[in-house]
Each structure stands twice: as C-alpha cells, then as structure tokens.
Amino acid sequence: MKITITGTPGTGKTTVSDNLDIPVIHLTEFVKEKGLGEQKEEFEVDIPAMVEALEEETDDYEDVVIEGHLAHYYPSDLCIVLRCDPEVLDERLEEREYSEAKVRENLESEALDIVLAQAIENQETVIEIDTTNLSREEVIEKMEEKIEKWPEVESDYGKVDWSEWL
C-alpha cells in the first residue's frame, strides 16, 4: 500500500509519519538528494521528475508512506491531508523562524484549502484530518483507522473550513 501524507507546512506531517510502523520517504530530503529541483527564491521542485523518481524508489516497498507538502502529486492508494487552524499554524511556523512573507503565504494556503484541492484533483481516495486540537497519538490513531480499512475506506473531506480566517 502506498500512502501519501500531505498538508501545508506545520500541520504535523513529519511528526506523525515518523511514528507509524511503515517505512517513510521524507519528500523534502528525497527531492534534494535526487536533485529534483533548483534553488531560486525558494527551492522549486520538478514535479514530473519527482513522481517518476518516487515510482522507481517505491517499487521495492510493499507498504510505504511518502510524506511532504507535495506528496499529493504522487499517485497513492490513500492520501491523507493534515489540516490546522491558521491561528495555531501561525505559532508553529513562527517557531520555525519562517519569514513573515512565507508564514503569510502558508496561512493563506491553509485557509484557502490549496493542498486539499490539489490532493482531490490528483488522488482517488483523500482523507482530511484536522490536527488542531489533537495530540500526535490521536492523529496517528485516526490515520491508522483509515489505513486498516483500506481498500474499503472512502474519501472523507470537506468538513474543515478556515475561510473565516481570511
């Protein structure tokens, strides 16, 4: 089973994926190691090359998690989109010492459902989990429930709405 965990930076992707009992490919590291992009104002990823390299990389895995804010571009069996209230996300991103412009861009992306919309466009089965008030263990439990139900699990998204934040 190939699982992608995606979401706006700061929603908890790395934190939860590192605690699953499934091998994980951290997309940010993978892309940089394979030279699948170039540094401009920000690191710009060659998405078709990334998908192709992931297809080769995942051939050897029966089960694997691909984690990263661009993971939803890789065709997976189950795509999990982590969400977070922009007010909480703001605190998390400021702790990372992101620039004010980058924080604002990510908060707007979260409020506008950008990653979710891209995931829905690129994946067959999409699960949305609001991590705002959940512990790491609770998020993992919700994810594991969906993983265990696959392939019977159906898409479940559209309940999170941060548009008032805008």
N, C-alpha and C. Protein backbone atom coordinates (compact mmCIF):
# COMPACT_ATOMS: atom_id res chain seq x y z
N MET A 1 0.85 -1.18 0.00
CA MET A 1 0.00 0.00 0.00
C MET A 1 0.89 1.24 0.00
N LYS A 2 0.55 2.15 -0.86
CA LYS A 2 1.29 3.41 -0.93
C LYS A 2 0.39 4.51 -0.35
N ILE A 3 0.91 5.19 0.66
CA ILE A 3 0.17 6.22 1.38
C ILE A 3 0.92 7.52 1.25
N THR A 4 0.20 8.59 0.93
CA THR A 4 0.81 9.91 0.95
C THR A 4 0.21 10.69 2.11
N ILE A 5 1.08 11.41 2.82
CA ILE A 5 0.65 12.31 3.88
C ILE A 5 1.10 13.70 3.46
N THR A 6 0.13 14.57 3.29
CA THR A 6 0.41 15.90 2.77
C THR A 6 -0.29 16.95 3.62
N GLY A 7 -0.01 18.18 3.34
CA GLY A 7 -0.63 19.29 4.06
C GLY A 7 0.29 20.50 4.01
N THR A 8 -0.24 21.62 4.40
CA THR A 8 0.53 22.85 4.49
C THR A 8 1.67 22.63 5.49
N PRO A 9 2.84 23.24 5.28
CA PRO A 9 3.91 23.12 6.29
C PRO A 9 3.39 23.48 7.68
N GLY A 10 3.77 22.65 8.67
CA GLY A 10 3.39 22.90 10.05
C GLY A 10 2.16 22.15 10.53
N THR A 11 1.53 21.38 9.65
CA THR A 11 0.31 20.67 10.05
C THR A 11 0.58 19.36 10.77
N GLY A 12 1.83 18.88 10.76
CA GLY A 12 2.18 17.68 11.52
C GLY A 12 2.60 16.47 10.71
N LYS A 13 2.87 16.64 9.44
CA LYS A 13 3.19 15.52 8.56
C LYS A 13 4.38 14.69 9.04
N THR A 14 5.49 15.35 9.29
CA THR A 14 6.71 14.65 9.71
C THR A 14 6.53 14.05 11.09
N THR A 15 5.93 14.80 11.99
CA THR A 15 5.72 14.33 13.36
C THR A 15 4.95 13.02 13.39
N VAL A 16 3.86 12.93 12.64
CA VAL A 16 3.07 11.70 12.69
C VAL A 16 3.67 10.59 11.84
N SER A 17 4.23 10.92 10.69
CA SER A 17 4.76 9.87 9.82
C SER A 17 5.93 9.14 10.46
N ASP A 18 6.72 9.84 11.25
CA ASP A 18 7.85 9.22 11.93
C ASP A 18 7.41 8.25 13.02
N ASN A 19 6.13 8.25 13.36
CA ASN A 19 5.62 7.39 14.41
C ASN A 19 4.71 6.28 13.90
N LEU A 20 4.71 6.05 12.60
CA LEU A 20 3.96 4.94 12.02
C LEU A 20 4.88 3.73 11.87
N ASP A 21 4.31 2.56 11.84
CA ASP A 21 5.11 1.34 11.68
C ASP A 21 5.21 0.95 10.20
N ILE A 22 5.41 1.94 9.36
CA ILE A 22 5.54 1.76 7.92
C ILE A 22 6.75 2.57 7.48
N PRO A 23 7.58 2.04 6.57
CA PRO A 23 8.71 2.84 6.09
C PRO A 23 8.23 4.18 5.51
N VAL A 24 9.03 5.23 5.74
CA VAL A 24 8.66 6.58 5.33
C VAL A 24 9.73 7.17 4.41
N ILE A 25 9.27 7.79 3.34
CA ILE A 25 10.14 8.60 2.49
C ILE A 25 9.76 10.06 2.78
N HIS A 26 10.73 10.80 3.32
CA HIS A 26 10.51 12.23 3.58
C HIS A 26 10.82 12.97 2.29
N LEU A 27 9.80 13.52 1.70
CA LEU A 27 9.89 14.08 0.36
C LEU A 27 10.89 15.22 0.23
N THR A 28 10.97 16.08 1.22
CA THR A 28 11.91 17.20 1.15
C THR A 28 13.34 16.68 1.00
N GLU A 29 13.71 15.71 1.84
CA GLU A 29 15.05 15.12 1.78
C GLU A 29 15.25 14.38 0.46
N PHE A 30 14.25 13.61 0.05
CA PHE A 30 14.33 12.82 -1.17
C PHE A 30 14.57 13.70 -2.39
N VAL A 31 13.81 14.78 -2.51
CA VAL A 31 13.92 15.69 -3.64
C VAL A 31 15.30 16.33 -3.71
N LYS A 32 15.81 16.74 -2.56
CA LYS A 32 17.14 17.37 -2.54
C LYS A 32 18.25 16.36 -2.84
N GLU A 33 18.14 15.16 -2.26
CA GLU A 33 19.15 14.12 -2.51
C GLU A 33 19.20 13.73 -3.99
N LYS A 34 18.05 13.69 -4.64
CA LYS A 34 17.97 13.27 -6.04
C LYS A 34 18.15 14.43 -7.01
N GLY A 35 18.28 15.66 -6.50
CA GLY A 35 18.46 16.82 -7.37
C GLY A 35 17.26 17.08 -8.26
N LEU A 36 16.06 17.01 -7.68
CA LEU A 36 14.82 17.12 -8.45
C LEU A 36 14.22 18.52 -8.42
N GLY A 37 15.07 19.49 -8.36
CA GLY A 37 14.60 20.87 -8.35
C GLY A 37 15.79 21.79 -8.38
N GLU A 38 15.51 23.08 -8.27
CA GLU A 38 16.61 24.04 -8.24
C GLU A 38 16.28 25.17 -7.28
N GLN A 39 17.33 25.71 -6.71
CA GLN A 39 17.18 26.81 -5.76
C GLN A 39 17.03 28.11 -6.52
N LYS A 40 15.88 28.72 -6.36
CA LYS A 40 15.66 30.06 -6.89
C LYS A 40 15.41 30.92 -5.68
N GLU A 41 14.36 31.70 -5.69
CA GLU A 41 13.99 32.44 -4.47
C GLU A 41 13.67 31.44 -3.37
N GLU A 42 13.01 30.35 -3.76
CA GLU A 42 12.76 29.19 -2.91
C GLU A 42 13.16 27.98 -3.73
N PHE A 43 13.23 26.81 -3.10
CA PHE A 43 13.56 25.59 -3.83
C PHE A 43 12.35 25.20 -4.66
N GLU A 44 12.50 25.14 -5.98
CA GLU A 44 11.41 24.78 -6.88
C GLU A 44 11.60 23.35 -7.36
N VAL A 45 10.57 22.54 -7.14
CA VAL A 45 10.62 21.11 -7.42
C VAL A 45 10.10 20.83 -8.82
N ASP A 46 10.79 19.95 -9.52
CA ASP A 46 10.34 19.44 -10.82
C ASP A 46 9.38 18.28 -10.50
N ILE A 47 8.09 18.57 -10.49
CA ILE A 47 7.10 17.59 -10.02
C ILE A 47 7.06 16.33 -10.90
N PRO A 48 7.04 16.43 -12.23
CA PRO A 48 7.05 15.19 -13.03
C PRO A 48 8.29 14.33 -12.75
N ALA A 49 9.44 14.95 -12.60
CA ALA A 49 10.66 14.19 -12.28
C ALA A 49 10.57 13.58 -10.89
N MET A 50 9.96 14.31 -9.94
CA MET A 50 9.77 13.80 -8.59
C MET A 50 8.89 12.55 -8.60
N VAL A 51 7.77 12.62 -9.32
CA VAL A 51 6.85 11.49 -9.40
C VAL A 51 7.54 10.28 -10.02
N GLU A 52 8.28 10.50 -11.08
CA GLU A 52 9.00 9.41 -11.75
C GLU A 52 10.03 8.78 -10.81
N ALA A 53 10.80 9.60 -10.11
CA ALA A 53 11.80 9.08 -9.17
C ALA A 53 11.14 8.33 -8.02
N LEU A 54 10.00 8.81 -7.55
CA LEU A 54 9.28 8.11 -6.48
C LEU A 54 8.74 6.76 -6.96
N GLU A 55 8.27 6.71 -8.20
CA GLU A 55 7.79 5.44 -8.74
C GLU A 55 8.90 4.40 -8.74
N GLU A 56 10.09 4.81 -9.14
CA GLU A 56 11.24 3.90 -9.11
C GLU A 56 11.60 3.52 -7.67
N GLU A 57 11.62 4.49 -6.80
CA GLU A 57 12.01 4.28 -5.40
C GLU A 57 11.04 3.37 -4.66
N THR A 58 9.76 3.49 -4.93
CA THR A 58 8.75 2.74 -4.18
C THR A 58 8.50 1.34 -4.73
N ASP A 59 9.09 0.99 -5.86
CA ASP A 59 8.91 -0.35 -6.43
C ASP A 59 9.27 -1.46 -5.45
N ASP A 60 10.26 -1.22 -4.61
CA ASP A 60 10.74 -2.24 -3.70
C ASP A 60 9.94 -2.35 -2.40
N TYR A 61 8.96 -1.49 -2.21
CA TYR A 61 8.19 -1.48 -0.98
C TYR A 61 6.81 -2.11 -1.19
N GLU A 62 6.42 -2.96 -0.25
CA GLU A 62 5.04 -3.43 -0.25
C GLU A 62 4.16 -2.33 0.34
N ASP A 63 4.62 -1.76 1.46
CA ASP A 63 3.94 -0.64 2.12
C ASP A 63 4.94 0.49 2.31
N VAL A 64 4.51 1.71 2.01
CA VAL A 64 5.39 2.86 2.19
C VAL A 64 4.55 4.13 2.35
N VAL A 65 5.08 5.06 3.14
CA VAL A 65 4.47 6.37 3.31
C VAL A 65 5.39 7.39 2.64
N ILE A 66 4.80 8.25 1.83
CA ILE A 66 5.52 9.38 1.26
C ILE A 66 4.96 10.62 1.96
N GLU A 67 5.82 11.34 2.65
CA GLU A 67 5.41 12.45 3.49
C GLU A 67 6.01 13.75 2.97
N GLY A 68 5.17 14.76 2.78
CA GLY A 68 5.66 16.07 2.37
C GLY A 68 4.55 16.92 1.79
N HIS A 69 4.78 18.22 1.72
CA HIS A 69 3.69 19.10 1.27
C HIS A 69 3.41 19.01 -0.23
N LEU A 70 4.22 18.23 -0.96
CA LEU A 70 3.94 17.96 -2.37
C LEU A 70 3.61 16.49 -2.62
N ALA A 71 3.47 15.71 -1.56
CA ALA A 71 3.25 14.27 -1.68
C ALA A 71 1.99 13.93 -2.47
N HIS A 72 1.00 14.80 -2.44
CA HIS A 72 -0.27 14.53 -3.12
C HIS A 72 -0.14 14.45 -4.64
N TYR A 73 1.00 14.83 -5.18
CA TYR A 73 1.20 14.69 -6.62
C TYR A 73 1.60 13.27 -7.01
N TYR A 74 2.04 12.48 -6.05
CA TYR A 74 2.41 11.09 -6.31
C TYR A 74 1.15 10.23 -6.20
N PRO A 75 0.83 9.44 -7.22
CA PRO A 75 -0.39 8.63 -7.17
C PRO A 75 -0.28 7.55 -6.09
N SER A 76 -1.16 7.63 -5.11
CA SER A 76 -1.10 6.69 -3.99
C SER A 76 -2.44 5.97 -3.83
N ASP A 77 -2.43 4.96 -2.97
CA ASP A 77 -3.66 4.24 -2.66
C ASP A 77 -4.53 5.05 -1.72
N LEU A 78 -3.89 5.79 -0.82
CA LEU A 78 -4.60 6.58 0.17
C LEU A 78 -3.81 7.87 0.41
N CYS A 79 -4.48 9.00 0.27
CA CYS A 79 -3.86 10.30 0.50
C CYS A 79 -4.48 10.92 1.74
N ILE A 80 -3.65 11.23 2.72
CA ILE A 80 -4.11 11.84 3.96
C ILE A 80 -3.64 13.28 3.98
N VAL A 81 -4.60 14.20 4.08
CA VAL A 81 -4.29 15.64 4.11
C VAL A 81 -4.47 16.12 5.54
N LEU A 82 -3.38 16.58 6.15
CA LEU A 82 -3.44 17.11 7.50
C LEU A 82 -3.74 18.60 7.43
N ARG A 83 -4.65 19.06 8.29
CA ARG A 83 -5.08 20.45 8.32
C ARG A 83 -4.85 21.02 9.71
N CYS A 84 -4.78 22.34 9.81
CA CYS A 84 -4.58 23.00 11.10
C CYS A 84 -5.13 24.42 11.04
N ASP A 85 -5.80 24.82 12.10
CA ASP A 85 -6.33 26.18 12.21
C ASP A 85 -5.20 27.18 11.96
N PRO A 86 -5.40 28.15 11.07
CA PRO A 86 -4.34 29.11 10.76
C PRO A 86 -3.78 29.83 11.98
N GLU A 87 -4.58 30.08 13.01
CA GLU A 87 -4.07 30.73 14.22
C GLU A 87 -3.01 29.87 14.90
N VAL A 88 -3.26 28.57 14.98
CA VAL A 88 -2.30 27.64 15.58
C VAL A 88 -1.11 27.44 14.65
N LEU A 89 -1.41 27.33 13.37
CA LEU A 89 -0.36 27.15 12.37
C LEU A 89 0.61 28.33 12.38
N ASP A 90 0.09 29.52 12.58
CA ASP A 90 0.91 30.72 12.65
C ASP A 90 1.98 30.56 13.74
N GLU A 91 1.58 30.11 14.91
CA GLU A 91 2.54 29.90 16.01
C GLU A 91 3.59 28.86 15.64
N ARG A 92 3.15 27.77 15.03
CA ARG A 92 4.09 26.70 14.65
C ARG A 92 5.12 27.20 13.63
N LEU A 93 4.66 27.95 12.65
CA LEU A 93 5.57 28.43 11.60
C LEU A 93 6.52 29.49 12.12
N GLU A 94 6.05 30.34 13.03
CA GLU A 94 6.94 31.35 13.62
C GLU A 94 8.03 30.69 14.45
N GLU A 95 7.73 29.56 15.09
CA GLU A 95 8.74 28.82 15.84
C GLU A 95 9.84 28.31 14.90
N ARG A 96 9.49 28.06 13.66
CA ARG A 96 10.46 27.61 12.66
C ARG A 96 11.28 28.75 12.08
N GLU A 97 10.95 29.95 12.51
CA GLU A 97 11.63 31.16 12.05
C GLU A 97 11.47 31.39 10.55
N TYR A 98 10.29 31.07 10.02
CA TYR A 98 9.98 31.38 8.63
C TYR A 98 9.88 32.91 8.50
N SER A 99 10.13 33.41 7.33
CA SER A 99 9.96 34.85 7.09
C SER A 99 8.48 35.19 7.21
N GLU A 100 8.21 36.45 7.47
CA GLU A 100 6.82 36.90 7.60
C GLU A 100 6.04 36.60 6.32
N ALA A 101 6.67 36.80 5.17
CA ALA A 101 6.01 36.55 3.89
C ALA A 101 5.70 35.06 3.71
N LYS A 102 6.64 34.21 4.09
CA LYS A 102 6.42 32.77 3.95
C LYS A 102 5.33 32.28 4.90
N VAL A 103 5.32 32.81 6.12
CA VAL A 103 4.26 32.46 7.07
C VAL A 103 2.91 32.84 6.49
N ARG A 104 2.80 34.06 6.02
CA ARG A 104 1.53 34.55 5.46
C ARG A 104 1.08 33.70 4.28
N GLU A 105 2.01 33.36 3.39
CA GLU A 105 1.69 32.54 2.22
C GLU A 105 1.12 31.18 2.66
N ASN A 106 1.76 30.56 3.65
CA ASN A 106 1.30 29.25 4.12
C ASN A 106 -0.05 29.34 4.85
N LEU A 107 -0.25 30.39 5.61
CA LEU A 107 -1.53 30.57 6.30
C LEU A 107 -2.67 30.76 5.29
N GLU A 108 -2.42 31.55 4.27
CA GLU A 108 -3.43 31.76 3.24
C GLU A 108 -3.71 30.47 2.48
N SER A 109 -2.66 29.72 2.19
CA SER A 109 -2.81 28.43 1.52
C SER A 109 -3.70 27.50 2.34
N GLU A 110 -3.47 27.47 3.65
CA GLU A 110 -4.28 26.62 4.52
C GLU A 110 -5.73 27.10 4.56
N ALA A 111 -5.94 28.39 4.69
CA ALA A 111 -7.30 28.93 4.76
C ALA A 111 -8.07 28.72 3.46
N LEU A 112 -7.36 28.69 2.34
CA LEU A 112 -7.99 28.53 1.03
C LEU A 112 -8.07 27.07 0.57
N ASP A 113 -7.65 26.12 1.41
CA ASP A 113 -7.72 24.68 1.09
C ASP A 113 -6.88 24.31 -0.13
N ILE A 114 -5.78 24.99 -0.36
CA ILE A 114 -4.98 24.77 -1.57
C ILE A 114 -4.48 23.33 -1.67
N VAL A 115 -3.85 22.82 -0.62
CA VAL A 115 -3.30 21.46 -0.68
C VAL A 115 -4.43 20.44 -0.81
N LEU A 116 -5.51 20.64 -0.07
CA LEU A 116 -6.66 19.73 -0.18
C LEU A 116 -7.19 19.70 -1.60
N ALA A 117 -7.37 20.86 -2.20
CA ALA A 117 -7.89 20.93 -3.58
C ALA A 117 -6.96 20.21 -4.55
N GLN A 118 -5.65 20.40 -4.40
CA GLN A 118 -4.69 19.71 -5.26
C GLN A 118 -4.74 18.20 -5.04
N ALA A 119 -4.90 17.77 -3.78
CA ALA A 119 -4.98 16.34 -3.48
C ALA A 119 -6.22 15.73 -4.12
N ILE A 120 -7.36 16.40 -4.01
CA ILE A 120 -8.60 15.90 -4.60
C ILE A 120 -8.46 15.78 -6.11
N GLU A 121 -7.76 16.73 -6.71
CA GLU A 121 -7.55 16.72 -8.15
C GLU A 121 -6.64 15.57 -8.60
N ASN A 122 -5.71 15.15 -7.73
CA ASN A 122 -4.69 14.17 -8.12
C ASN A 122 -4.86 12.77 -7.55
N GLN A 123 -5.76 12.58 -6.59
CA GLN A 123 -5.88 11.30 -5.89
C GLN A 123 -7.30 10.75 -5.97
N GLU A 124 -7.42 9.42 -5.86
CA GLU A 124 -8.74 8.81 -5.84
C GLU A 124 -9.35 8.84 -4.45
N THR A 125 -8.56 8.51 -3.42
CA THR A 125 -9.07 8.44 -2.06
C THR A 125 -8.33 9.46 -1.20
N VAL A 126 -9.07 10.44 -0.69
CA VAL A 126 -8.49 11.52 0.09
C VAL A 126 -9.20 11.58 1.45
N ILE A 127 -8.39 11.58 2.51
CA ILE A 127 -8.88 11.70 3.87
C ILE A 127 -8.32 13.00 4.45
N GLU A 128 -9.18 13.79 5.06
CA GLU A 128 -8.77 15.06 5.67
C GLU A 128 -8.85 14.91 7.19
N ILE A 129 -7.76 15.29 7.88
CA ILE A 129 -7.74 15.23 9.35
C ILE A 129 -7.33 16.59 9.89
N ASP A 130 -8.18 17.14 10.74
CA ASP A 130 -7.88 18.40 11.42
C ASP A 130 -7.01 18.08 12.64
N THR A 131 -5.77 18.50 12.61
CA THR A 131 -4.81 18.21 13.70
C THR A 131 -4.81 19.26 14.79
N THR A 132 -5.58 20.32 14.63
CA THR A 132 -5.51 21.50 15.51
C THR A 132 -5.52 21.15 16.99
N ASN A 133 -6.51 20.40 17.43
CA ASN A 133 -6.67 20.11 18.86
C ASN A 133 -6.39 18.65 19.20
N LEU A 134 -5.66 17.96 18.33
CA LEU A 134 -5.36 16.55 18.56
C LEU A 134 -3.90 16.37 18.95
N SER A 135 -3.66 15.40 19.81
CA SER A 135 -2.28 15.03 20.13
C SER A 135 -1.72 14.22 18.96
N ARG A 136 -0.42 14.07 18.93
CA ARG A 136 0.23 13.25 17.90
C ARG A 136 -0.39 11.86 17.90
N GLU A 137 -0.61 11.29 19.08
CA GLU A 137 -1.16 9.94 19.20
C GLU A 137 -2.57 9.87 18.62
N GLU A 138 -3.37 10.90 18.85
CA GLU A 138 -4.74 10.92 18.32
C GLU A 138 -4.75 11.01 16.80
N VAL A 139 -3.85 11.80 16.24
CA VAL A 139 -3.76 11.89 14.78
C VAL A 139 -3.34 10.54 14.21
N ILE A 140 -2.33 9.92 14.82
CA ILE A 140 -1.87 8.62 14.36
C ILE A 140 -2.99 7.59 14.44
N GLU A 141 -3.75 7.62 15.52
CA GLU A 141 -4.87 6.68 15.69
C GLU A 141 -5.89 6.86 14.57
N LYS A 142 -6.23 8.11 14.24
CA LYS A 142 -7.18 8.37 13.15
C LYS A 142 -6.63 7.87 11.82
N MET A 143 -5.34 8.10 11.59
CA MET A 143 -4.72 7.65 10.35
C MET A 143 -4.72 6.13 10.27
N GLU A 144 -4.33 5.48 11.36
CA GLU A 144 -4.27 4.02 11.37
C GLU A 144 -5.64 3.39 11.15
N GLU A 145 -6.70 4.02 11.68
CA GLU A 145 -8.07 3.52 11.46
C GLU A 145 -8.38 3.50 9.96
N LYS A 146 -8.01 4.56 9.26
CA LYS A 146 -8.27 4.64 7.82
C LYS A 146 -7.40 3.65 7.05
N ILE A 147 -6.14 3.54 7.44
CA ILE A 147 -5.22 2.62 6.76
C ILE A 147 -5.71 1.19 6.90
N GLU A 148 -6.16 0.82 8.09
CA GLU A 148 -6.64 -0.54 8.34
C GLU A 148 -7.89 -0.86 7.53
N LYS A 149 -8.70 0.13 7.22
CA LYS A 149 -9.94 -0.09 6.48
C LYS A 149 -9.71 -0.13 4.97
N TRP A 150 -8.53 0.26 4.52
CA TRP A 150 -8.27 0.28 3.09
C TRP A 150 -8.30 -1.14 2.57
N PRO A 151 -8.86 -1.47 1.43
CA PRO A 151 -9.33 -0.58 0.36
C PRO A 151 -10.81 -0.18 0.47
N GLU A 152 -11.48 -0.56 1.56
CA GLU A 152 -12.89 -0.19 1.71
C GLU A 152 -13.09 1.27 2.13
N VAL A 153 -12.03 1.93 2.57
CA VAL A 153 -12.17 3.32 3.04
C VAL A 153 -12.56 4.23 1.87
N GLU A 154 -13.48 5.14 2.17
CA GLU A 154 -13.92 6.10 1.16
C GLU A 154 -13.36 7.48 1.49
N SER A 155 -13.27 8.31 0.48
CA SER A 155 -12.81 9.68 0.69
C SER A 155 -13.65 10.35 1.77
N ASP A 156 -12.98 11.19 2.57
CA ASP A 156 -13.65 11.88 3.67
C ASP A 156 -12.98 13.24 3.83
N TYR A 157 -13.59 14.24 3.24
CA TYR A 157 -13.03 15.60 3.32
C TYR A 157 -14.16 16.61 3.17
N GLY A 158 -13.84 17.86 3.45
CA GLY A 158 -14.79 18.93 3.28
C GLY A 158 -15.41 19.44 4.56
N LYS A 159 -14.98 18.88 5.69
CA LYS A 159 -15.54 19.31 6.98
C LYS A 159 -14.74 20.46 7.60
N VAL A 160 -13.53 20.68 7.14
CA VAL A 160 -12.67 21.72 7.71
C VAL A 160 -12.86 22.99 6.88
N ASP A 161 -13.10 24.09 7.56
CA ASP A 161 -13.32 25.36 6.86
C ASP A 161 -12.65 26.50 7.65
N TRP A 162 -11.57 27.01 7.11
CA TRP A 162 -10.86 28.12 7.75
C TRP A 162 -11.11 29.42 7.02
N SER A 163 -12.08 29.48 6.12
CA SER A 163 -12.27 30.67 5.29
C SER A 163 -12.56 31.94 6.11
N GLU A 164 -13.16 31.79 7.30
CA GLU A 164 -13.40 32.97 8.14
C GLU A 164 -12.11 33.65 8.56
N TRP A 165 -11.01 32.89 8.60
CA TRP A 165 -9.72 33.45 8.98
C TRP A 165 -9.30 34.56 8.01
N LEU A 166 -9.67 34.37 6.75
CA LEU A 166 -9.28 35.35 5.72
C LEU A 166 -9.93 36.68 6.00
